[in-house]
Amino acid sequence: MNKKELAKFRRTLEEKRRDLAALLKKKEVDLSENEISEDDKVESSIEKNLIFSISSNEESIMEEIGHALKRIEKGSYGNCELCSKNVPEKRLRSLPWVRYCITCQKKAESKK
């Protein structure tokens, strides 16, 4: 992958990380400002659990973005972390933080 392509992926990853950080901060503010009546406690509890679940997923993506940025710095971005083959650019464009090629991703998921 050439320097221009790497720079493009870096910008995309950094933008996504900023967006996720802003979204997580907004959710924290919304939760802390949310006054709950007694009648709404059950519904609110379900809603909070959903928000925490979504936030956990977003935090995982932020962590993966951090790993991807480190791989750019090390020069290994775009290579599968298991088999070292190139991850197809189409896959990187849709999930720029991805660690594995499709074959290795399936193997990793089947072990879970």
PDB file of N, CA and C in Angstrom:
ATOM      1  N   MET A   1       0.854  -1.169   0.000  1.00  0.00           N
ATOM      2  CA  MET A   1       0.000   0.000   0.000  1.00  0.00           C
ATOM      3  C   MET A   1       0.904   1.238   0.000  1.00  0.00           C
ATOM      4  N   ASN A   2       0.574   2.196  -0.862  1.00  0.00           N
ATOM      5  CA  ASN A   2       1.432   3.377  -0.950  1.00  0.00           C
ATOM      6  C   ASN A   2       1.092   4.400   0.138  1.00  0.00           C
ATOM      7  N   LYS A   3       1.965   5.408   0.263  1.00  0.00           N
ATOM      8  CA  LYS A   3       1.822   6.404   1.328  1.00  0.00           C
ATOM      9  C   LYS A   3       0.519   7.191   1.221  1.00  0.00           C
ATOM     10  N   LYS A   4       0.109   7.481   0.000  1.00  0.00           N
ATOM     11  CA  LYS A   4      -1.126   8.244  -0.207  1.00  0.00           C
ATOM     12  C   LYS A   4      -2.338   7.449   0.288  1.00  0.00           C
ATOM     13  N   GLU A   5      -2.371   6.163  -0.018  1.00  0.00           N
ATOM     14  CA  GLU A   5      -3.477   5.317   0.448  1.00  0.00           C
ATOM     15  C   GLU A   5      -3.464   5.191   1.967  1.00  0.00           C
ATOM     16  N   LEU A   6      -2.277   5.016   2.532  1.00  0.00           N
ATOM     17  CA  LEU A   6      -2.165   4.925   3.990  1.00  0.00           C
ATOM     18  C   LEU A   6      -2.635   6.207   4.672  1.00  0.00           C
ATOM     19  N   ALA A   7      -2.280   7.336   4.105  1.00  0.00           N
ATOM     20  CA  ALA A   7      -2.709   8.623   4.664  1.00  0.00           C
ATOM     21  C   ALA A   7      -4.228   8.745   4.622  1.00  0.00           C
ATOM     22  N   LYS A   8      -4.818   8.263   3.556  1.00  0.00           N
ATOM     23  CA  LYS A   8      -6.280   8.296   3.423  1.00  0.00           C
ATOM     24  C   LYS A   8      -6.928   7.423   4.499  1.00  0.00           C
ATOM     25  N   PHE A   9      -6.396   6.214   4.695  1.00  0.00           N
ATOM     26  CA  PHE A   9      -6.938   5.336   5.731  1.00  0.00           C
ATOM     27  C   PHE A   9      -6.731   5.934   7.118  1.00  0.00           C
ATOM     28  N   ARG A  10      -5.586   6.557   7.354  1.00  0.00           N
ATOM     29  CA  ARG A  10      -5.326   7.199   8.645  1.00  0.00           C
ATOM     30  C   ARG A  10      -6.370   8.289   8.914  1.00  0.00           C
ATOM     31  N   ARG A  11      -6.634   9.133   7.925  1.00  0.00           N
ATOM     32  CA  ARG A  11      -7.636  10.193   8.094  1.00  0.00           C
ATOM     33  C   ARG A  11      -9.015   9.597   8.382  1.00  0.00           C
ATOM     34  N   THR A  12      -9.375   8.552   7.657  1.00  0.00           N
ATOM     35  CA  THR A  12     -10.664   7.902   7.865  1.00  0.00           C
ATOM     36  C   THR A  12     -10.771   7.347   9.279  1.00  0.00           C
ATOM     37  N   LEU A  13      -9.718   6.669   9.734  1.00  0.00           N
ATOM     38  CA  LEU A  13      -9.717   6.090  11.078  1.00  0.00           C
ATOM     39  C   LEU A  13      -9.777   7.170  12.156  1.00  0.00           C
ATOM     40  N   GLU A  14      -9.005   8.226  11.982  1.00  0.00           N
ATOM     41  CA  GLU A  14      -9.002   9.307  12.971  1.00  0.00           C
ATOM     42  C   GLU A  14     -10.356  10.011  13.021  1.00  0.00           C
ATOM     43  N   GLU A  15     -10.983  10.199  11.873  1.00  0.00           N
ATOM     44  CA  GLU A  15     -12.311  10.826  11.826  1.00  0.00           C
ATOM     45  C   GLU A  15     -13.339   9.942  12.519  1.00  0.00           C
ATOM     46  N   LYS A  16     -13.298   8.656  12.259  1.00  0.00           N
ATOM     47  CA  LYS A  16     -14.234   7.727  12.891  1.00  0.00           C
ATOM     48  C   LYS A  16     -14.031   7.713  14.399  1.00  0.00           C
ATOM     49  N   ARG A  17     -12.779   7.752  14.841  1.00  0.00           N
ATOM     50  CA  ARG A  17     -12.493   7.765  16.281  1.00  0.00           C
ATOM     51  C   ARG A  17     -13.048   9.032  16.928  1.00  0.00           C
ATOM     52  N   ARG A  18     -12.874  10.178  16.266  1.00  0.00           N
ATOM     53  CA  ARG A  18     -13.431  11.440  16.795  1.00  0.00           C
ATOM     54  C   ARG A  18     -14.952  11.370  16.880  1.00  0.00           C
ATOM     55  N   ASP A  19     -15.579  10.846  15.831  1.00  0.00           N
ATOM     56  CA  ASP A  19     -17.041  10.733  15.808  1.00  0.00           C
ATOM     57  C   ASP A  19     -17.548   9.839  16.932  1.00  0.00           C
ATOM     58  N   LEU A  20     -16.889   8.699  17.125  1.00  0.00           N
ATOM     59  CA  LEU A  20     -17.303   7.785  18.187  1.00  0.00           C
ATOM     60  C   LEU A  20     -17.093   8.396  19.564  1.00  0.00           C
ATOM     61  N   ALA A  21     -15.979   9.093  19.750  1.00  0.00           N
ATOM     62  CA  ALA A  21     -15.713   9.733  21.032  1.00  0.00           C
ATOM     63  C   ALA A  21     -16.779  10.782  21.344  1.00  0.00           C
ATOM     64  N   ALA A  22     -17.158  11.551  20.347  1.00  0.00           N
ATOM     65  CA  ALA A  22     -18.199  12.565  20.540  1.00  0.00           C
ATOM     66  C   ALA A  22     -19.541  11.912  20.863  1.00  0.00           C
ATOM     67  N   LEU A  23     -19.851  10.826  20.174  1.00  0.00           N
ATOM     68  CA  LEU A  23     -21.107  10.116  20.408  1.00  0.00           C
ATOM     69  C   LEU A  23     -21.146   9.526  21.818  1.00  0.00           C
ATOM     70  N   LEU A  24     -20.054   8.929  22.250  1.00  0.00           N
ATOM     71  CA  LEU A  24     -20.001   8.366  23.598  1.00  0.00           C
ATOM     72  C   LEU A  24     -20.137   9.458  24.655  1.00  0.00           C
ATOM     73  N   LYS A  25     -19.492  10.586  24.429  1.00  0.00           N
ATOM     74  CA  LYS A  25     -19.591  11.693  25.380  1.00  0.00           C
ATOM     75  C   LYS A  25     -21.031  12.206  25.457  1.00  0.00           C
ATOM     76  N   LYS A  26     -21.688  12.303  24.315  1.00  0.00           N
ATOM     77  CA  LYS A  26     -23.084  12.760  24.285  1.00  0.00           C
ATOM     78  C   LYS A  26     -23.982  11.784  25.047  1.00  0.00           C
ATOM     79  N   LYS A  27     -23.752  10.492  24.876  1.00  0.00           N
ATOM     80  CA  LYS A  27     -24.556   9.498  25.589  1.00  0.00           C
ATOM     81  C   LYS A  27     -24.354   9.612  27.093  1.00  0.00           C
ATOM     82  N   GLU A  28     -23.120   9.847  27.520  1.00  0.00           N
ATOM     83  CA  GLU A  28     -22.841  10.013  28.944  1.00  0.00           C
ATOM     84  C   GLU A  28     -23.588  11.222  29.503  1.00  0.00           C
ATOM     85  N   VAL A  29     -23.555  12.315  28.765  1.00  0.00           N
ATOM     86  CA  VAL A  29     -24.243  13.531  29.198  1.00  0.00           C
ATOM     87  C   VAL A  29     -25.747  13.291  29.250  1.00  0.00           C
ATOM     88  N   ASP A  30     -26.283  12.650  28.207  1.00  0.00           N
ATOM     89  CA  ASP A  30     -27.719  12.372  28.168  1.00  0.00           C
ATOM     90  C   ASP A  30     -28.151  11.504  29.345  1.00  0.00           C
ATOM     91  N   LEU A  31     -27.354  10.489  29.672  1.00  0.00           N
ATOM     92  CA  LEU A  31     -27.699   9.619  30.796  1.00  0.00           C
ATOM     93  C   LEU A  31     -27.628  10.350  32.126  1.00  0.00           C
ATOM     94  N   SER A  32     -26.635  11.195  32.284  1.00  0.00           N
ATOM     95  CA  SER A  32     -26.485  11.897  33.556  1.00  0.00           C
ATOM     96  C   SER A  32     -27.553  12.977  33.737  1.00  0.00           C
ATOM     97  N   GLU A  33     -28.069  13.518  32.660  1.00  0.00           N
ATOM     98  CA  GLU A  33     -29.080  14.575  32.736  1.00  0.00           C
ATOM     99  C   GLU A  33     -30.497  14.033  32.757  1.00  0.00           C
ATOM    100  N   ASN A  34     -30.664  12.746  32.543  1.00  0.00           N
ATOM    101  CA  ASN A  34     -31.987  12.149  32.404  1.00  0.00           C
ATOM    102  C   ASN A  34     -32.654  11.980  33.763  1.00  0.00           C
ATOM    103  N   GLU A  35     -33.681  12.776  34.022  1.00  0.00           N
ATOM    104  CA  GLU A  35     -34.480  12.653  35.235  1.00  0.00           C
ATOM    105  C   GLU A  35     -35.525  11.568  34.985  1.00  0.00           C
ATOM    106  N   ILE A  36     -35.689  10.657  35.941  1.00  0.00           N
ATOM    107  CA  ILE A  36     -36.577   9.517  35.746  1.00  0.00           C
ATOM    108  C   ILE A  36     -37.687   9.535  36.785  1.00  0.00           C
ATOM    109  N   SER A  37     -38.924   9.437  36.303  1.00  0.00           N
ATOM    110  CA  SER A  37     -40.049   9.307  37.227  1.00  0.00           C
ATOM    111  C   SER A  37     -40.178   7.844  37.627  1.00  0.00           C
ATOM    112  N   GLU A  38     -40.914   7.588  38.693  1.00  0.00           N
ATOM    113  CA  GLU A  38     -41.101   6.205  39.166  1.00  0.00           C
ATOM    114  C   GLU A  38     -41.750   5.329  38.097  1.00  0.00           C
ATOM    115  N   ASP A  39     -42.701   5.873  37.336  1.00  0.00           N
ATOM    116  CA  ASP A  39     -43.409   5.099  36.316  1.00  0.00           C
ATOM    117  C   ASP A  39     -42.493   4.689  35.163  1.00  0.00           C
ATOM    118  N   ASP A  40     -41.453   5.450  34.936  1.00  0.00           N
ATOM    119  CA  ASP A  40     -40.580   5.193  33.793  1.00  0.00           C
ATOM    120  C   ASP A  40     -39.318   4.396  34.135  1.00  0.00           C
ATOM    121  N   LYS A  41     -39.171   3.952  35.382  1.00  0.00           N
ATOM    122  CA  LYS A  41     -37.929   3.307  35.797  1.00  0.00           C
ATOM    123  C   LYS A  41     -37.638   2.016  35.033  1.00  0.00           C
ATOM    124  N   VAL A  42     -38.655   1.176  34.819  1.00  0.00           N
ATOM    125  CA  VAL A  42     -38.423  -0.092  34.118  1.00  0.00           C
ATOM    126  C   VAL A  42     -38.038   0.175  32.671  1.00  0.00           C
ATOM    127  N   GLU A  43     -38.785   1.023  32.019  1.00  0.00           N
ATOM    128  CA  GLU A  43     -38.474   1.365  30.626  1.00  0.00           C
ATOM    129  C   GLU A  43     -37.104   2.013  30.535  1.00  0.00           C
ATOM    130  N   SER A  44     -36.798   2.873  31.483  1.00  0.00           N
ATOM    131  CA  SER A  44     -35.510   3.545  31.490  1.00  0.00           C
ATOM    132  C   SER A  44     -34.374   2.551  31.713  1.00  0.00           C
ATOM    133  N   SER A  45     -34.588   1.566  32.564  1.00  0.00           N
ATOM    134  CA  SER A  45     -33.564   0.551  32.824  1.00  0.00           C
ATOM    135  C   SER A  45     -33.245  -0.229  31.558  1.00  0.00           C
ATOM    136  N   ILE A  46     -34.261  -0.610  30.829  1.00  0.00           N
ATOM    137  CA  ILE A  46     -34.072  -1.327  29.558  1.00  0.00           C
ATOM    138  C   ILE A  46     -33.320  -0.444  28.572  1.00  0.00           C
ATOM    139  N   GLU A  47     -33.716   0.799  28.497  1.00  0.00           N
ATOM    140  CA  GLU A  47     -33.078   1.753  27.591  1.00  0.00           C
ATOM    141  C   GLU A  47     -31.606   1.959  27.964  1.00  0.00           C
ATOM    142  N   LYS A  48     -31.313   2.075  29.251  1.00  0.00           N
ATOM    143  CA  LYS A  48     -29.933   2.247  29.700  1.00  0.00           C
ATOM    144  C   LYS A  48     -29.093   1.024  29.348  1.00  0.00           C
ATOM    145  N   ASN A  49     -29.647  -0.166  29.557  1.00  0.00           N
ATOM    146  CA  ASN A  49     -28.909  -1.383  29.205  1.00  0.00           C
ATOM    147  C   ASN A  49     -28.583  -1.412  27.722  1.00  0.00           C
ATOM    148  N   LEU A  50     -29.526  -1.005  26.900  1.00  0.00           N
ATOM    149  CA  LEU A  50     -29.298  -0.956  25.460  1.00  0.00           C
ATOM    150  C   LEU A  50     -28.215   0.064  25.130  1.00  0.00           C
ATOM    151  N   ILE A  51     -28.271   1.222  25.740  1.00  0.00           N
ATOM    152  CA  ILE A  51     -27.270   2.261  25.498  1.00  0.00           C
ATOM    153  C   ILE A  51     -25.885   1.779  25.941  1.00  0.00           C
ATOM    154  N   PHE A  52     -25.803   1.119  27.099  1.00  0.00           N
ATOM    155  CA  PHE A  52     -24.511   0.602  27.560  1.00  0.00           C
ATOM    156  C   PHE A  52     -23.981  -0.465  26.610  1.00  0.00           C
ATOM    157  N   SER A  53     -24.874  -1.298  26.091  1.00  0.00           N
ATOM    158  CA  SER A  53     -24.467  -2.337  25.146  1.00  0.00           C
ATOM    159  C   SER A  53     -23.921  -1.708  23.872  1.00  0.00           C
ATOM    160  N   ILE A  54     -24.620  -0.718  23.355  1.00  0.00           N
ATOM    161  CA  ILE A  54     -24.169  -0.021  22.149  1.00  0.00           C
ATOM    162  C   ILE A  54     -22.850   0.697  22.437  1.00  0.00           C
ATOM    163  N   SER A  55     -22.753   1.334  23.592  1.00  0.00           N
ATOM    164  CA  SER A  55     -21.528   2.046  23.952  1.00  0.00           C
ATOM    165  C   SER A  55     -20.347   1.088  24.057  1.00  0.00           C
ATOM    166  N   SER A  56     -20.589  -0.089  24.587  1.00  0.00           N
ATOM    167  CA  SER A  56     -19.524  -1.091  24.690  1.00  0.00           C
ATOM    168  C   SER A  56     -19.019  -1.469  23.304  1.00  0.00           C
ATOM    169  N   ASN A  57     -19.925  -1.634  22.363  1.00  0.00           N
ATOM    170  CA  ASN A  57     -19.534  -1.946  20.985  1.00  0.00           C
ATOM    171  C   ASN A  57     -18.737  -0.796  20.382  1.00  0.00           C
ATOM    172  N   GLU A  58     -19.171   0.422  20.621  1.00  0.00           N
ATOM    173  CA  GLU A  58     -18.456   1.584  20.099  1.00  0.00           C
ATOM    174  C   GLU A  58     -17.072   1.698  20.720  1.00  0.00           C
ATOM    175  N   GLU A  59     -16.957   1.388  22.005  1.00  0.00           N
ATOM    176  CA  GLU A  59     -15.647   1.420  22.667  1.00  0.00           C
ATOM    177  C   GLU A  59     -14.723   0.355  22.077  1.00  0.00           C
ATOM    178  N   SER A  60     -15.287  -0.805  21.752  1.00  0.00           N
ATOM    179  CA  SER A  60     -14.485  -1.863  21.111  1.00  0.00           C
ATOM    180  C   SER A  60     -13.976  -1.405  19.752  1.00  0.00           C
ATOM    181  N   ILE A  61     -14.835  -0.726  19.004  1.00  0.00           N
ATOM    182  CA  ILE A  61     -14.422  -0.216  17.693  1.00  0.00           C
ATOM    183  C   ILE A  61     -13.331   0.832  17.864  1.00  0.00           C
ATOM    184  N   MET A  62     -13.477   1.693  18.875  1.00  0.00           N
ATOM    185  CA  MET A  62     -12.434   2.700  19.124  1.00  0.00           C
ATOM    186  C   MET A  62     -11.103   2.035  19.439  1.00  0.00           C
ATOM    187  N   GLU A  63     -11.144   0.949  20.202  1.00  0.00           N
ATOM    188  CA  GLU A  63      -9.927   0.216  20.525  1.00  0.00           C
ATOM    189  C   GLU A  63      -9.314  -0.378  19.250  1.00  0.00           C
ATOM    190  N   GLU A  64     -10.159  -0.943  18.401  1.00  0.00           N
ATOM    191  CA  GLU A  64      -9.679  -1.515  17.138  1.00  0.00           C
ATOM    192  C   GLU A  64      -9.090  -0.427  16.233  1.00  0.00           C
ATOM    193  N   ILE A  65      -9.688   0.756  16.248  1.00  0.00           N
ATOM    194  CA  ILE A  65      -9.158   1.873  15.474  1.00  0.00           C
ATOM    195  C   ILE A  65      -7.760   2.237  15.978  1.00  0.00           C
ATOM    196  N   GLY A  66      -7.590   2.256  17.295  1.00  0.00           N
ATOM    197  CA  GLY A  66      -6.269   2.526  17.864  1.00  0.00           C
ATOM    198  C   GLY A  66      -5.234   1.508  17.407  1.00  0.00           C
ATOM    199  N   HIS A  67      -5.629   0.228  17.386  1.00  0.00           N
ATOM    200  CA  HIS A  67      -4.721  -0.816  16.905  1.00  0.00           C
ATOM    201  C   HIS A  67      -4.385  -0.607  15.424  1.00  0.00           C
ATOM    202  N   ALA A  68      -5.392  -0.233  14.641  1.00  0.00           N
ATOM    203  CA  ALA A  68      -5.168  -0.010  13.206  1.00  0.00           C
ATOM    204  C   ALA A  68      -4.199   1.152  12.985  1.00  0.00           C
ATOM    205  N   LEU A  69      -4.340   2.216  13.763  1.00  0.00           N
ATOM    206  CA  LEU A  69      -3.426   3.359  13.635  1.00  0.00           C
ATOM    207  C   LEU A  69      -1.997   2.957  14.012  1.00  0.00           C
ATOM    208  N   LYS A  70      -1.865   2.094  15.003  1.00  0.00           N
ATOM    209  CA  LYS A  70      -0.523   1.599  15.368  1.00  0.00           C
ATOM    210  C   LYS A  70       0.059   0.743  14.245  1.00  0.00           C
ATOM    211  N   ARG A  71      -0.796  -0.049  13.577  1.00  0.00           N
ATOM    212  CA  ARG A  71      -0.313  -0.865  12.460  1.00  0.00           C
ATOM    213  C   ARG A  71       0.143   0.020  11.304  1.00  0.00           C
ATOM    214  N   ILE A  72      -0.527   1.142  11.108  1.00  0.00           N
ATOM    215  CA  ILE A  72      -0.081   2.086  10.074  1.00  0.00           C
ATOM    216  C   ILE A  72       1.320   2.574  10.426  1.00  0.00           C
ATOM    217  N   GLU A  73       1.515   2.959  11.689  1.00  0.00           N
ATOM    218  CA  GLU A  73       2.828   3.448  12.132  1.00  0.00           C
ATOM    219  C   GLU A  73       3.920   2.390  11.967  1.00  0.00           C
ATOM    220  N   LYS A  74       3.590   1.131  12.266  1.00  0.00           N
ATOM    221  CA  LYS A  74       4.568   0.049  12.182  1.00  0.00           C
ATOM    222  C   LYS A  74       4.782  -0.434  10.749  1.00  0.00           C
ATOM    223  N   GLY A  75       3.880  -0.058   9.846  1.00  0.00           N
ATOM    224  CA  GLY A  75       4.020  -0.493   8.458  1.00  0.00           C
ATOM    225  C   GLY A  75       3.362  -1.832   8.159  1.00  0.00           C
ATOM    226  N   SER A  76       2.525  -2.312   9.070  1.00  0.00           N
ATOM    227  CA  SER A  76       1.870  -3.602   8.849  1.00  0.00           C
ATOM    228  C   SER A  76       0.383  -3.473   8.533  1.00  0.00           C
ATOM    229  N   TYR A  77      -0.098  -2.248   8.392  1.00  0.00           N
ATOM    230  CA  TYR A  77      -1.519  -2.033   8.100  1.00  0.00           C
ATOM    231  C   TYR A  77      -1.861  -2.657   6.749  1.00  0.00           C
ATOM    232  N   GLY A  78      -3.003  -3.322   6.716  1.00  0.00           N
ATOM    233  CA  GLY A  78      -3.462  -3.946   5.479  1.00  0.00           C
ATOM    234  C   GLY A  78      -3.055  -5.398   5.351  1.00  0.00           C
ATOM    235  N   ASN A  79      -2.267  -5.881   6.320  1.00  0.00           N
ATOM    236  CA  ASN A  79      -1.882  -7.291   6.340  1.00  0.00           C
ATOM    237  C   ASN A  79      -2.672  -8.003   7.428  1.00  0.00           C
ATOM    238  N   CYS A  80      -3.153  -9.194   7.121  1.00  0.00           N
ATOM    239  CA  CYS A  80      -3.879 -10.005   8.093  1.00  0.00           C
ATOM    240  C   CYS A  80      -2.949 -10.332   9.256  1.00  0.00           C
ATOM    241  N   GLU A  81      -3.427 -10.194  10.473  1.00  0.00           N
ATOM    242  CA  GLU A  81      -2.604 -10.460  11.650  1.00  0.00           C
ATOM    243  C   GLU A  81      -2.378 -11.956  11.889  1.00  0.00           C
ATOM    244  N   LEU A  82      -3.159 -12.811  11.221  1.00  0.00           N
ATOM    245  CA  LEU A  82      -2.964 -14.245  11.402  1.00  0.00           C
ATOM    246  C   LEU A  82      -2.134 -14.875  10.295  1.00  0.00           C
ATOM    247  N   CYS A  83      -2.491 -14.583   9.047  1.00  0.00           N
ATOM    248  CA  CYS A  83      -1.801 -15.247   7.933  1.00  0.00           C
ATOM    249  C   CYS A  83      -0.824 -14.325   7.196  1.00  0.00           C
ATOM    250  N   SER A  84      -0.827 -13.050   7.512  1.00  0.00           N
ATOM    251  CA  SER A  84       0.046 -12.023   6.926  1.00  0.00           C
ATOM    252  C   SER A  84      -0.250 -11.705   5.461  1.00  0.00           C
ATOM    253  N   LYS A  85      -1.305 -12.275   4.896  1.00  0.00           N
ATOM    254  CA  LYS A  85      -1.678 -11.934   3.523  1.00  0.00           C
ATOM    255  C   LYS A  85      -2.325 -10.556   3.510  1.00  0.00           C
ATOM    256  N   ASN A  86      -2.346  -9.935   2.331  1.00  0.00           N
ATOM    257  CA  ASN A  86      -2.994  -8.635   2.208  1.00  0.00           C
ATOM    258  C   ASN A  86      -4.495  -8.765   2.411  1.00  0.00           C
ATOM    259  N   VAL A  87      -5.045  -7.860   3.213  1.00  0.00           N
ATOM    260  CA  VAL A  87      -6.487  -7.764   3.364  1.00  0.00           C
ATOM    261  C   VAL A  87      -6.987  -6.987   2.145  1.00  0.00           C
ATOM    262  N   PRO A  88      -7.986  -7.495   1.443  1.00  0.00           N
ATOM    263  CA  PRO A  88      -8.467  -6.781   0.252  1.00  0.00           C
ATOM    264  C   PRO A  88      -8.855  -5.335   0.563  1.00  0.00           C
ATOM    265  N   GLU A  89      -8.503  -4.435  -0.330  1.00  0.00           N
ATOM    266  CA  GLU A  89      -8.763  -3.012  -0.113  1.00  0.00           C
ATOM    267  C   GLU A  89     -10.257  -2.736   0.059  1.00  0.00           C
ATOM    268  N   LYS A  90     -11.083  -3.474  -0.642  1.00  0.00           N
ATOM    269  CA  LYS A  90     -12.538  -3.308  -0.506  1.00  0.00           C
ATOM    270  C   LYS A  90     -12.961  -3.561   0.941  1.00  0.00           C
ATOM    271  N   ARG A  91     -12.369  -4.567   1.567  1.00  0.00           N
ATOM    272  CA  ARG A  91     -12.679  -4.873   2.967  1.00  0.00           C
ATOM    273  C   ARG A  91     -12.176  -3.754   3.879  1.00  0.00           C
ATOM    274  N   LEU A  92     -10.984  -3.251   3.609  1.00  0.00           N
ATOM    275  CA  LEU A  92     -10.437  -2.151   4.411  1.00  0.00           C
ATOM    276  C   LEU A  92     -11.256  -0.871   4.260  1.00  0.00           C
ATOM    277  N   ARG A  93     -11.782  -0.634   3.075  1.00  0.00           N
ATOM    278  CA  ARG A  93     -12.606   0.573   2.883  1.00  0.00           C
ATOM    279  C   ARG A  93     -13.892   0.490   3.693  1.00  0.00           C
ATOM    280  N   SER A  94     -14.472  -0.708   3.815  1.00  0.00           N
ATOM    281  CA  SER A  94     -15.721  -0.811   4.563  1.00  0.00           C
ATOM    282  C   SER A  94     -15.479  -0.918   6.072  1.00  0.00           C
ATOM    283  N   LEU A  95     -14.391  -1.563   6.476  1.00  0.00           N
ATOM    284  CA  LEU A  95     -14.020  -1.701   7.891  1.00  0.00           C
ATOM    285  C   LEU A  95     -12.536  -1.380   8.035  1.00  0.00           C
ATOM    286  N   PRO A  96     -12.166  -0.118   8.038  1.00  0.00           N
ATOM    287  CA  PRO A  96     -10.744   0.231   8.004  1.00  0.00           C
ATOM    288  C   PRO A  96      -9.945  -0.235   9.220  1.00  0.00           C
ATOM    289  N   TRP A  97     -10.610  -0.647  10.280  1.00  0.00           N
ATOM    290  CA  TRP A  97      -9.917  -1.119  11.480  1.00  0.00           C
ATOM    291  C   TRP A  97      -9.772  -2.638  11.511  1.00  0.00           C
ATOM    292  N   VAL A  98     -10.218  -3.316  10.478  1.00  0.00           N
ATOM    293  CA  VAL A  98     -10.223  -4.777  10.463  1.00  0.00           C
ATOM    294  C   VAL A  98      -8.806  -5.341  10.602  1.00  0.00           C
ATOM    295  N   ARG A  99      -8.677  -6.444  11.333  1.00  0.00           N
ATOM    296  CA  ARG A  99      -7.379  -7.061  11.594  1.00  0.00           C
ATOM    297  C   ARG A  99      -7.082  -8.248  10.689  1.00  0.00           C
ATOM    298  N   TYR A 100      -8.141  -8.896  10.209  1.00  0.00           N
ATOM    299  CA  TYR A 100      -7.973 -10.175   9.523  1.00  0.00           C
ATOM    300  C   TYR A 100      -8.580 -10.173   8.124  1.00  0.00           C
ATOM    301  N   CYS A 101      -8.038 -11.033   7.281  1.00  0.00           N
ATOM    302  CA  CYS A 101      -8.676 -11.295   5.998  1.00  0.00           C
ATOM    303  C   CYS A 101      -9.970 -12.067   6.278  1.00  0.00           C
ATOM    304  N   ILE A 102     -10.810 -12.218   5.305  1.00  0.00           N
ATOM    305  CA  ILE A 102     -12.109 -12.867   5.516  1.00  0.00           C
ATOM    306  C   ILE A 102     -11.934 -14.308   5.996  1.00  0.00           C
ATOM    307  N   THR A 103     -11.018 -15.040   5.402  1.00  0.00           N
ATOM    308  CA  THR A 103     -10.800 -16.431   5.793  1.00  0.00           C
ATOM    309  C   THR A 103     -10.407 -16.545   7.264  1.00  0.00           C
ATOM    310  N   CYS A 104      -9.457 -15.744   7.689  1.00  0.00           N
ATOM    311  CA  CYS A 104      -9.009 -15.788   9.085  1.00  0.00           C
ATOM    312  C   CYS A 104     -10.078 -15.226  10.033  1.00  0.00           C
ATOM    313  N   GLN A 105     -10.857 -14.254   9.565  1.00  0.00           N
ATOM    314  CA  GLN A 105     -11.946 -13.708  10.392  1.00  0.00           C
ATOM    315  C   GLN A 105     -12.955 -14.817  10.700  1.00  0.00           C
ATOM    316  N   LYS A 106     -13.290 -15.608   9.681  1.00  0.00           N
ATOM    317  CA  LYS A 106     -14.225 -16.722   9.889  1.00  0.00           C
ATOM    318  C   LYS A 106     -13.652 -17.728  10.877  1.00  0.00           C
ATOM    319  N   LYS A 107     -12.367 -18.021  10.768  1.00  0.00           N
ATOM    320  CA  LYS A 107     -11.718 -18.946  11.703  1.00  0.00           C
ATOM    321  C   LYS A 107     -11.782 -18.386  13.130  1.00  0.00           C
ATOM    322  N   ALA A 108     -11.475 -17.100  13.282  1.00  0.00           N
ATOM    323  CA  ALA A 108     -11.482 -16.469  14.598  1.00  0.00           C
ATOM    324  C   ALA A 108     -12.881 -16.483  15.207  1.00  0.00           C
ATOM    325  N   GLU A 109     -13.898 -16.221  14.395  1.00  0.00           N
ATOM    326  CA  GLU A 109     -15.265 -16.211  14.891  1.00  0.00           C
ATOM    327  C   GLU A 109     -15.759 -17.603  15.253  1.00  0.00           C
ATOM    328  N   SER A 110     -15.299 -18.619  14.531  1.00  0.00           N
ATOM    329  CA  SER A 110     -15.749 -19.984  14.822  1.00  0.00           C
ATOM    330  C   SER A 110     -15.153 -20.505  16.128  1.00  0.00           C
ATOM    331  N   LYS A 111     -14.069 -19.913  16.594  1.00  0.00           N
ATOM    332  CA  LYS A 111     -13.440 -20.311  17.852  1.00  0.00           C
ATOM    333  C   LYS A 111     -14.151 -19.724  19.063  1.00  0.00           C
ATOM    334  N   LYS A 112     -14.975 -18.712  18.841  1.00  0.00           N
ATOM    335  CA  LYS A 112     -15.668 -18.037  19.957  1.00  0.00           C
ATOM    336  C   LYS A 112     -16.811 -18.841  20.474  1.00  0.00           C
TER     337      LYS A 112
END
